[in-house]
Each structure stands twice: as structure tokens, then as C-alpha cells.
Amino acid sequence: MPFLFLCAALLLSCAKQPASFSSNQYTAAETVQIDQGDEKILQIAEDARRTLPVFFRHVTRAEAGEDHFCIKHPFRADDDSGIGMEQIWLTGIQFRNGEYYGILASDPVHINGMKKGDVVAFDVEEITDWMYVRDGKITGGRSIRYLLENIPESRRTEGQRQTLQMFDD
């Protein structure tokens, strides 16, 4: 059964933009449908959960030039949507009263009753990716990179090409 990724490929929805970022550098999130059994996506999710301490270390002690902290989390899609889960990027990550919270970075496509800007609780054991920006380069965000790299070069938008160049290798 497929699930949906909201691929905030150009970070517009991941957090408040620092003054050095111009808004025309970024485009809105894109929606991509992908098979739940995609081995690479499953490996990326496993790696994201395994390396989550690295992400949280940067969230709690961000260094100069680090911002745009986001986590991707699956949410159950509406029963009549035809998909099982919808992956949504969360920003504003916080831990309080024994729970993790984040802010929806975009409007869900297949989940009624949730909208961009809503604060939601999430389970860290279900996280499928994380990312942040350090000095203009994306750290993490492996699912975004994977999805963009699978778009044939001739079909990539300029924004998608620029995003691929932003990854910290």
C-alpha cells in the first residue's frame, strides 16, 4: 500500500527563514506517492531513528549557523483516502511533560482535521527522517535527497536542482 510524503524539498515550510535566505530560493513542499515497501526509504527511516541522538544534540545546543530543524513523521491517512500513511515534516520540535511535540510544516493532503501550524504530539520511534541546515547546507534529509535523485535530470525543476546542491556531503 502506498503512502504519501510531503517533501519539503526546499525548506520553505521547515522553519522561520533566517535573514540570509531569500524567499525566492525556496519553493513550496511537493507531494510524492511512494510504495511503503521501498527498501531505500525503509533504510533511511531506520537510519534516522538510529541517529536521532545526533539530531537532538543539535536541536538542544544549536551552533551558530544551524537552524531549520525538522522531523518527518507518519500520520494515519483518512480511511477513504486510498493510502495508509501520510508523511509530514514537523518543525518547532519540543519535549515537555514527557512527550515530543512539533508543528505541522504543511497542510496534509489526506488527513482531515489537521492543518499547517497545528501542534501535534509524535512518537520518536516512528520518525522517518530528520534534517537541519548548517551554514546553508542541508544535514540529514536523506529521504528528500533520495526522492529528488530519482527524478530524471531532464524533468527536475531548477528549484529541485538547487536543493540537491544544498546537501552537506
N, C-alpha and C. Protein backbone atom coordinates (compact mmCIF):
# COMPACT_ATOMS: atom_id res chain seq x y z
N MET A 1 0.85 -1.18 0.00
CA MET A 1 0.00 0.00 0.00
C MET A 1 0.89 1.24 0.00
N PRO A 2 0.61 2.18 -0.85
CA PRO A 2 1.45 3.37 -0.91
C PRO A 2 1.21 4.30 0.28
N PHE A 3 2.20 5.12 0.55
CA PHE A 3 1.97 6.22 1.46
C PHE A 3 2.50 7.48 0.84
N LEU A 4 2.13 8.57 1.43
CA LEU A 4 2.41 9.86 0.84
C LEU A 4 3.50 10.57 1.62
N PHE A 5 4.42 11.19 0.91
CA PHE A 5 5.43 12.03 1.52
C PHE A 5 5.13 13.46 1.14
N LEU A 6 5.12 14.32 2.09
CA LEU A 6 5.13 15.75 1.78
C LEU A 6 6.59 16.13 1.83
N CYS A 7 7.16 16.32 0.70
CA CYS A 7 8.60 16.52 0.57
C CYS A 7 8.89 18.01 0.60
N ALA A 8 9.25 18.50 1.74
CA ALA A 8 9.59 19.91 1.87
C ALA A 8 10.98 20.09 1.32
N ALA A 9 11.09 19.82 0.06
CA ALA A 9 12.38 19.72 -0.59
C ALA A 9 13.17 21.00 -0.55
N LEU A 10 12.51 22.10 -0.42
CA LEU A 10 13.25 23.34 -0.45
C LEU A 10 13.11 24.14 0.83
N LEU A 11 12.72 23.48 1.89
CA LEU A 11 12.78 24.01 3.24
C LEU A 11 11.85 25.17 3.55
N LEU A 12 11.05 25.61 2.63
CA LEU A 12 10.21 26.76 2.92
C LEU A 12 9.36 26.51 4.14
N SER A 13 8.90 25.30 4.32
CA SER A 13 7.97 25.04 5.40
C SER A 13 8.63 24.52 6.66
N CYS A 14 9.93 24.39 6.71
CA CYS A 14 10.55 23.78 7.88
C CYS A 14 10.78 24.71 9.05
N ALA A 15 10.86 25.97 8.84
CA ALA A 15 11.05 26.88 9.97
C ALA A 15 11.15 28.30 9.46
N LYS A 16 11.17 29.21 10.39
CA LYS A 16 11.36 30.61 10.03
C LYS A 16 12.67 30.75 9.28
N GLN A 17 12.64 31.46 8.19
CA GLN A 17 13.83 31.62 7.37
C GLN A 17 14.76 32.67 7.99
N PRO A 18 16.04 32.38 8.08
CA PRO A 18 16.97 33.39 8.55
C PRO A 18 17.07 34.52 7.53
N ALA A 19 17.52 35.65 7.97
CA ALA A 19 17.59 36.83 7.11
C ALA A 19 18.44 36.59 5.88
N SER A 20 19.43 35.70 5.97
CA SER A 20 20.32 35.46 4.83
C SER A 20 19.67 34.63 3.73
N PHE A 21 18.51 34.03 3.99
CA PHE A 21 17.82 33.24 2.98
C PHE A 21 16.83 34.13 2.28
N SER A 22 16.86 34.14 0.96
CA SER A 22 15.84 34.89 0.23
C SER A 22 14.70 33.95 -0.09
N SER A 23 13.48 34.43 0.04
CA SER A 23 12.32 33.57 -0.14
C SER A 23 12.22 33.02 -1.55
N ASN A 24 12.80 33.68 -2.54
CA ASN A 24 12.71 33.15 -3.89
C ASN A 24 13.66 31.98 -4.12
N GLN A 25 14.51 31.64 -3.13
CA GLN A 25 15.37 30.47 -3.23
C GLN A 25 14.58 29.19 -3.03
N TYR A 26 13.42 29.27 -2.42
CA TYR A 26 12.70 28.10 -1.98
C TYR A 26 11.32 28.04 -2.60
N THR A 27 10.85 26.82 -2.79
CA THR A 27 9.50 26.62 -3.28
C THR A 27 8.72 25.84 -2.25
N ALA A 28 7.43 25.75 -2.45
CA ALA A 28 6.57 25.04 -1.52
C ALA A 28 6.85 23.53 -1.56
N ALA A 29 6.35 22.86 -0.53
CA ALA A 29 6.51 21.42 -0.44
C ALA A 29 5.82 20.73 -1.61
N GLU A 30 6.37 19.61 -1.99
CA GLU A 30 5.79 18.82 -3.06
C GLU A 30 5.26 17.52 -2.46
N THR A 31 4.25 16.96 -3.08
CA THR A 31 3.67 15.71 -2.62
C THR A 31 4.11 14.60 -3.57
N VAL A 32 4.61 13.52 -2.98
CA VAL A 32 5.11 12.39 -3.75
C VAL A 32 4.50 11.13 -3.16
N GLN A 33 3.94 10.27 -4.00
CA GLN A 33 3.42 9.00 -3.51
C GLN A 33 4.48 7.93 -3.76
N ILE A 34 4.72 7.11 -2.74
CA ILE A 34 5.76 6.09 -2.84
C ILE A 34 5.29 4.82 -2.15
N ASP A 35 5.78 3.70 -2.61
CA ASP A 35 5.41 2.40 -2.05
C ASP A 35 5.99 2.25 -0.65
N GLN A 36 5.16 1.78 0.29
CA GLN A 36 5.61 1.57 1.67
C GLN A 36 6.77 0.59 1.76
N GLY A 37 6.90 -0.29 0.78
CA GLY A 37 7.95 -1.30 0.81
C GLY A 37 9.24 -0.87 0.14
N ASP A 38 9.36 0.39 -0.27
CA ASP A 38 10.58 0.87 -0.90
C ASP A 38 11.74 0.66 0.07
N GLU A 39 12.65 -0.24 -0.29
CA GLU A 39 13.75 -0.62 0.60
C GLU A 39 14.63 0.57 1.01
N LYS A 40 14.91 1.45 0.08
CA LYS A 40 15.76 2.60 0.40
C LYS A 40 15.06 3.53 1.39
N ILE A 41 13.78 3.78 1.20
CA ILE A 41 13.03 4.63 2.13
C ILE A 41 12.99 3.98 3.52
N LEU A 42 12.80 2.67 3.56
CA LEU A 42 12.78 1.97 4.85
C LEU A 42 14.14 2.07 5.54
N GLN A 43 15.23 1.97 4.77
CA GLN A 43 16.57 2.09 5.33
C GLN A 43 16.82 3.51 5.84
N ILE A 44 16.37 4.51 5.08
CA ILE A 44 16.51 5.90 5.51
C ILE A 44 15.79 6.12 6.83
N ALA A 45 14.58 5.57 6.96
CA ALA A 45 13.81 5.72 8.20
C ALA A 45 14.53 5.05 9.37
N GLU A 46 15.04 3.86 9.14
CA GLU A 46 15.77 3.16 10.20
C GLU A 46 17.01 3.95 10.63
N ASP A 47 17.75 4.45 9.65
CA ASP A 47 18.94 5.26 9.95
C ASP A 47 18.56 6.54 10.70
N ALA A 48 17.45 7.15 10.33
CA ALA A 48 17.01 8.38 11.01
C ALA A 48 16.73 8.11 12.48
N ARG A 49 16.07 7.01 12.78
CA ARG A 49 15.78 6.68 14.19
C ARG A 49 17.07 6.34 14.94
N ARG A 50 17.98 5.64 14.28
CA ARG A 50 19.25 5.27 14.91
C ARG A 50 20.10 6.49 15.23
N THR A 51 20.06 7.50 14.36
CA THR A 51 20.91 8.69 14.53
C THR A 51 20.16 9.86 15.18
N LEU A 52 18.97 9.61 15.67
CA LEU A 52 18.19 10.67 16.29
C LEU A 52 18.93 11.41 17.41
N PRO A 53 19.75 10.74 18.22
CA PRO A 53 20.50 11.49 19.24
C PRO A 53 21.37 12.61 18.64
N VAL A 54 21.91 12.39 17.46
CA VAL A 54 22.71 13.43 16.79
C VAL A 54 21.82 14.64 16.51
N PHE A 55 20.64 14.39 15.94
CA PHE A 55 19.69 15.47 15.65
C PHE A 55 19.33 16.23 16.92
N PHE A 56 18.95 15.51 17.98
CA PHE A 56 18.51 16.17 19.21
C PHE A 56 19.65 16.94 19.88
N ARG A 57 20.87 16.46 19.72
CA ARG A 57 22.02 17.21 20.26
C ARG A 57 22.10 18.58 19.60
N HIS A 58 21.86 18.63 18.29
CA HIS A 58 21.91 19.91 17.58
C HIS A 58 20.68 20.77 17.89
N VAL A 59 19.52 20.15 18.05
CA VAL A 59 18.32 20.92 18.40
C VAL A 59 18.50 21.61 19.74
N THR A 60 19.02 20.88 20.72
CA THR A 60 19.13 21.43 22.08
C THR A 60 20.33 22.34 22.26
N ARG A 61 21.36 22.17 21.42
CA ARG A 61 22.55 23.02 21.53
C ARG A 61 22.99 23.48 20.15
N ALA A 62 22.08 24.15 19.47
CA ALA A 62 22.38 24.59 18.11
C ALA A 62 23.59 25.51 18.10
N GLU A 63 24.47 25.25 17.17
CA GLU A 63 25.64 26.09 16.98
C GLU A 63 25.29 27.24 16.06
N ALA A 64 26.14 28.23 16.01
CA ALA A 64 25.92 29.36 15.09
C ALA A 64 25.78 28.81 13.67
N GLY A 65 24.79 29.30 12.95
CA GLY A 65 24.57 28.88 11.58
C GLY A 65 23.68 27.66 11.43
N GLU A 66 23.21 27.08 12.54
CA GLU A 66 22.32 25.92 12.47
C GLU A 66 20.88 26.34 12.74
N ASP A 67 19.98 25.94 11.84
CA ASP A 67 18.56 26.25 12.01
C ASP A 67 17.73 25.32 11.14
N HIS A 68 16.47 25.59 10.99
CA HIS A 68 15.55 24.79 10.16
C HIS A 68 15.49 23.34 10.62
N PHE A 69 15.35 23.10 11.91
CA PHE A 69 15.29 21.75 12.46
C PHE A 69 13.92 21.15 12.19
N CYS A 70 13.89 20.00 11.50
CA CYS A 70 12.64 19.35 11.11
C CYS A 70 12.74 17.84 11.31
N ILE A 71 11.59 17.26 11.59
CA ILE A 71 11.45 15.81 11.69
C ILE A 71 10.31 15.39 10.79
N LYS A 72 10.47 14.26 10.09
CA LYS A 72 9.38 13.72 9.28
C LYS A 72 8.74 12.59 10.07
N HIS A 73 7.41 12.62 10.13
CA HIS A 73 6.67 11.65 10.93
C HIS A 73 5.44 11.17 10.15
N PRO A 74 5.13 9.88 10.23
CA PRO A 74 3.93 9.38 9.55
C PRO A 74 2.67 9.59 10.40
N PHE A 75 1.58 9.90 9.74
CA PHE A 75 0.28 10.02 10.38
C PHE A 75 -0.70 9.18 9.58
N ARG A 76 -1.64 8.54 10.27
CA ARG A 76 -2.64 7.72 9.60
C ARG A 76 -3.51 8.61 8.72
N ALA A 77 -3.61 8.22 7.45
CA ALA A 77 -4.44 8.96 6.49
C ALA A 77 -5.91 8.60 6.71
N ASP A 78 -6.78 9.44 6.21
CA ASP A 78 -8.21 9.18 6.29
C ASP A 78 -8.54 7.84 5.63
N ASP A 79 -9.51 7.13 6.19
CA ASP A 79 -9.87 5.80 5.69
C ASP A 79 -10.23 5.80 4.21
N ASP A 80 -10.87 6.85 3.74
CA ASP A 80 -11.31 6.88 2.34
C ASP A 80 -10.27 7.47 1.39
N SER A 81 -9.06 7.67 1.86
CA SER A 81 -8.03 8.33 1.04
C SER A 81 -7.36 7.39 0.04
N GLY A 82 -7.39 6.11 0.31
CA GLY A 82 -6.72 5.16 -0.57
C GLY A 82 -5.25 4.95 -0.23
N ILE A 83 -4.76 5.62 0.80
CA ILE A 83 -3.38 5.41 1.25
C ILE A 83 -3.41 5.10 2.74
N GLY A 84 -2.34 4.51 3.23
CA GLY A 84 -2.28 4.14 4.64
C GLY A 84 -1.78 5.26 5.53
N MET A 85 -0.65 5.83 5.14
CA MET A 85 0.00 6.84 5.97
C MET A 85 0.39 8.04 5.12
N GLU A 86 0.45 9.18 5.78
CA GLU A 86 0.95 10.39 5.14
C GLU A 86 2.11 10.90 5.98
N GLN A 87 3.24 11.08 5.33
CA GLN A 87 4.45 11.58 6.00
C GLN A 87 4.41 13.11 5.98
N ILE A 88 4.62 13.72 7.13
CA ILE A 88 4.56 15.18 7.21
C ILE A 88 5.76 15.68 8.00
N TRP A 89 6.39 16.73 7.50
CA TRP A 89 7.50 17.36 8.21
C TRP A 89 6.95 18.18 9.37
N LEU A 90 7.65 18.10 10.50
CA LEU A 90 7.31 18.87 11.70
C LEU A 90 8.48 19.77 12.04
N THR A 91 8.19 20.95 12.50
CA THR A 91 9.21 21.89 12.94
C THR A 91 8.87 22.30 14.37
N GLY A 92 9.67 23.17 14.96
CA GLY A 92 9.40 23.62 16.33
C GLY A 92 9.42 22.47 17.32
N ILE A 93 10.35 21.55 17.16
CA ILE A 93 10.41 20.33 17.96
C ILE A 93 10.66 20.67 19.43
N GLN A 94 9.81 20.10 20.30
CA GLN A 94 9.94 20.33 21.74
C GLN A 94 9.64 19.05 22.51
N PHE A 95 10.20 18.97 23.71
CA PHE A 95 9.89 17.88 24.63
C PHE A 95 9.38 18.53 25.90
N ARG A 96 8.15 18.19 26.27
CA ARG A 96 7.60 18.73 27.51
C ARG A 96 6.58 17.74 28.08
N ASN A 97 6.56 17.69 29.38
CA ASN A 97 5.63 16.80 30.10
C ASN A 97 5.70 15.36 29.60
N GLY A 98 6.92 14.91 29.28
CA GLY A 98 7.11 13.53 28.87
C GLY A 98 6.73 13.20 27.44
N GLU A 99 6.40 14.21 26.62
CA GLU A 99 6.01 13.96 25.23
C GLU A 99 6.76 14.88 24.29
N TYR A 100 6.91 14.40 23.05
CA TYR A 100 7.50 15.21 21.98
C TYR A 100 6.39 15.87 21.19
N TYR A 101 6.64 17.12 20.81
CA TYR A 101 5.67 17.90 20.03
C TYR A 101 6.38 18.56 18.86
N GLY A 102 5.61 18.79 17.80
CA GLY A 102 6.10 19.53 16.66
C GLY A 102 4.95 20.26 16.01
N ILE A 103 5.28 21.14 15.11
CA ILE A 103 4.29 21.95 14.38
C ILE A 103 4.25 21.45 12.95
N LEU A 104 3.05 21.16 12.44
CA LEU A 104 2.92 20.71 11.05
C LEU A 104 3.47 21.78 10.12
N ALA A 105 4.40 21.40 9.27
CA ALA A 105 5.06 22.35 8.37
C ALA A 105 4.28 22.56 7.07
N SER A 106 3.27 21.75 6.84
CA SER A 106 2.45 21.90 5.63
C SER A 106 1.07 21.32 5.90
N ASP A 107 0.14 21.64 5.03
CA ASP A 107 -1.21 21.09 5.13
C ASP A 107 -1.21 19.64 4.66
N PRO A 108 -1.74 18.72 5.47
CA PRO A 108 -1.87 17.34 5.00
C PRO A 108 -2.80 17.27 3.79
N VAL A 109 -2.54 16.33 2.91
CA VAL A 109 -3.36 16.15 1.72
C VAL A 109 -4.50 15.18 2.01
N HIS A 110 -4.23 14.14 2.81
CA HIS A 110 -5.20 13.07 3.04
C HIS A 110 -5.58 12.90 4.50
N ILE A 111 -5.53 13.98 5.27
CA ILE A 111 -5.91 13.91 6.67
C ILE A 111 -6.79 15.11 6.98
N ASN A 112 -8.07 14.86 7.17
CA ASN A 112 -8.98 15.94 7.56
C ASN A 112 -8.77 16.25 9.04
N GLY A 113 -8.99 17.48 9.41
CA GLY A 113 -8.88 17.87 10.80
C GLY A 113 -7.49 18.28 11.24
N MET A 114 -6.53 18.28 10.33
CA MET A 114 -5.17 18.74 10.63
C MET A 114 -4.79 19.76 9.58
N LYS A 115 -4.04 20.79 10.02
CA LYS A 115 -3.62 21.81 9.07
C LYS A 115 -2.25 22.34 9.46
N LYS A 116 -1.61 22.97 8.48
CA LYS A 116 -0.31 23.59 8.71
C LYS A 116 -0.40 24.48 9.94
N GLY A 117 0.60 24.39 10.80
CA GLY A 117 0.64 25.21 12.00
C GLY A 117 0.09 24.53 13.24
N ASP A 118 -0.62 23.41 13.07
CA ASP A 118 -1.13 22.68 14.23
C ASP A 118 0.02 22.08 15.02
N VAL A 119 -0.09 22.10 16.33
CA VAL A 119 0.88 21.45 17.20
C VAL A 119 0.39 20.02 17.43
N VAL A 120 1.26 19.05 17.19
CA VAL A 120 0.89 17.65 17.33
C VAL A 120 1.94 16.92 18.17
N ALA A 121 1.48 15.93 18.92
CA ALA A 121 2.39 15.04 19.65
C ALA A 121 2.87 13.99 18.66
N PHE A 122 4.10 13.51 18.85
CA PHE A 122 4.60 12.46 17.98
C PHE A 122 5.46 11.48 18.76
N ASP A 123 5.59 10.29 18.20
CA ASP A 123 6.37 9.21 18.79
C ASP A 123 7.72 9.15 18.08
N VAL A 124 8.80 9.34 18.82
CA VAL A 124 10.13 9.34 18.21
C VAL A 124 10.47 8.00 17.57
N GLU A 125 9.82 6.92 18.01
CA GLU A 125 10.08 5.60 17.44
C GLU A 125 9.50 5.46 16.03
N GLU A 126 8.70 6.42 15.60
CA GLU A 126 8.08 6.37 14.28
C GLU A 126 8.68 7.37 13.29
N ILE A 127 9.62 8.17 13.74
CA ILE A 127 10.25 9.17 12.87
C ILE A 127 10.85 8.48 11.65
N THR A 128 10.70 9.11 10.48
CA THR A 128 11.23 8.52 9.26
C THR A 128 12.36 9.33 8.62
N ASP A 129 12.60 10.53 9.12
CA ASP A 129 13.73 11.33 8.63
C ASP A 129 13.87 12.54 9.55
N TRP A 130 15.02 13.16 9.50
CA TRP A 130 15.24 14.43 10.20
C TRP A 130 16.22 15.24 9.37
N MET A 131 16.23 16.54 9.63
CA MET A 131 17.15 17.41 8.90
C MET A 131 17.30 18.74 9.62
N TYR A 132 18.35 19.41 9.29
CA TYR A 132 18.54 20.80 9.69
C TYR A 132 19.50 21.42 8.69
N VAL A 133 19.61 22.73 8.75
CA VAL A 133 20.50 23.45 7.85
C VAL A 133 21.66 24.01 8.68
N ARG A 134 22.86 23.78 8.18
CA ARG A 134 24.07 24.32 8.81
C ARG A 134 24.80 25.14 7.76
N ASP A 135 24.89 26.43 8.01
CA ASP A 135 25.58 27.34 7.09
C ASP A 135 25.10 27.18 5.65
N GLY A 136 23.79 27.07 5.48
CA GLY A 136 23.20 26.99 4.15
C GLY A 136 23.22 25.62 3.51
N LYS A 137 23.74 24.61 4.20
CA LYS A 137 23.80 23.25 3.68
C LYS A 137 22.86 22.35 4.48
N ILE A 138 22.16 21.45 3.79
CA ILE A 138 21.24 20.53 4.45
C ILE A 138 22.02 19.36 5.05
N THR A 139 21.78 19.12 6.34
CA THR A 139 22.31 17.96 7.02
C THR A 139 21.13 17.04 7.30
N GLY A 140 21.25 15.77 6.96
CA GLY A 140 20.12 14.84 7.07
C GLY A 140 19.26 14.98 5.83
N GLY A 141 17.93 14.86 6.01
CA GLY A 141 17.02 15.00 4.88
C GLY A 141 17.25 13.97 3.79
N ARG A 142 17.67 12.78 4.20
CA ARG A 142 18.05 11.77 3.20
C ARG A 142 16.88 11.34 2.32
N SER A 143 15.65 11.39 2.87
CA SER A 143 14.50 11.00 2.03
C SER A 143 14.26 12.03 0.93
N ILE A 144 14.49 13.29 1.24
CA ILE A 144 14.34 14.34 0.23
C ILE A 144 15.36 14.11 -0.88
N ARG A 145 16.59 13.90 -0.47
CA ARG A 145 17.66 13.69 -1.45
C ARG A 145 17.36 12.48 -2.34
N TYR A 146 16.96 11.38 -1.71
CA TYR A 146 16.64 10.16 -2.45
C TYR A 146 15.53 10.41 -3.46
N LEU A 147 14.46 11.06 -3.03
CA LEU A 147 13.34 11.31 -3.93
C LEU A 147 13.74 12.23 -5.08
N LEU A 148 14.51 13.27 -4.77
CA LEU A 148 14.95 14.18 -5.83
C LEU A 148 15.91 13.51 -6.80
N GLU A 149 16.80 12.68 -6.29
CA GLU A 149 17.75 11.99 -7.17
C GLU A 149 17.05 11.00 -8.09
N ASN A 150 15.86 10.57 -7.73
CA ASN A 150 15.11 9.63 -8.58
C ASN A 150 14.25 10.32 -9.62
N ILE A 151 14.28 11.63 -9.65
CA ILE A 151 13.63 12.37 -10.72
C ILE A 151 14.66 12.50 -11.84
N PRO A 152 14.34 12.06 -13.05
CA PRO A 152 15.31 12.20 -14.14
C PRO A 152 15.76 13.66 -14.27
N GLU A 153 17.03 13.85 -14.51
CA GLU A 153 17.60 15.20 -14.61
C GLU A 153 16.79 16.08 -15.55
N SER A 154 16.35 15.53 -16.65
CA SER A 154 15.60 16.31 -17.64
C SER A 154 14.25 16.78 -17.12
N ARG A 155 13.75 16.16 -16.06
CA ARG A 155 12.44 16.52 -15.50
C ARG A 155 12.54 17.33 -14.21
N ARG A 156 13.74 17.51 -13.67
CA ARG A 156 13.90 18.28 -12.44
C ARG A 156 13.69 19.76 -12.70
N THR A 157 13.04 20.40 -11.74
CA THR A 157 12.90 21.85 -11.81
C THR A 157 14.20 22.49 -11.36
N GLU A 158 14.34 23.77 -11.64
CA GLU A 158 15.53 24.48 -11.18
C GLU A 158 15.62 24.45 -9.66
N GLY A 159 14.49 24.59 -9.00
CA GLY A 159 14.46 24.52 -7.54
C GLY A 159 14.93 23.17 -7.01
N GLN A 160 14.54 22.10 -7.68
CA GLN A 160 14.98 20.76 -7.28
C GLN A 160 16.49 20.60 -7.48
N ARG A 161 17.01 21.14 -8.56
CA ARG A 161 18.46 21.09 -8.80
C ARG A 161 19.21 21.87 -7.71
N GLN A 162 18.69 23.05 -7.37
CA GLN A 162 19.34 23.86 -6.34
C GLN A 162 19.30 23.14 -4.99
N THR A 163 18.20 22.48 -4.69
CA THR A 163 18.09 21.77 -3.43
C THR A 163 19.12 20.66 -3.36
N LEU A 164 19.28 19.90 -4.43
CA LEU A 164 20.29 18.84 -4.44
C LEU A 164 21.69 19.38 -4.18
N GLN A 165 21.97 20.58 -4.66
CA GLN A 165 23.27 21.20 -4.43
C GLN A 165 23.45 21.65 -2.98
N MET A 166 22.36 21.77 -2.25
CA MET A 166 22.43 22.24 -0.87
C MET A 166 22.80 21.16 0.14
N PHE A 167 22.82 19.90 -0.28
CA PHE A 167 23.09 18.83 0.68
C PHE A 167 24.55 18.81 1.10
N ASP A 168 24.74 18.63 2.40
CA ASP A 168 26.05 18.54 3.00
C ASP A 168 26.55 17.12 2.77
N ASP A 169 27.53 16.96 1.92
CA ASP A 169 28.01 15.62 1.61
C ASP A 169 28.96 15.18 2.62
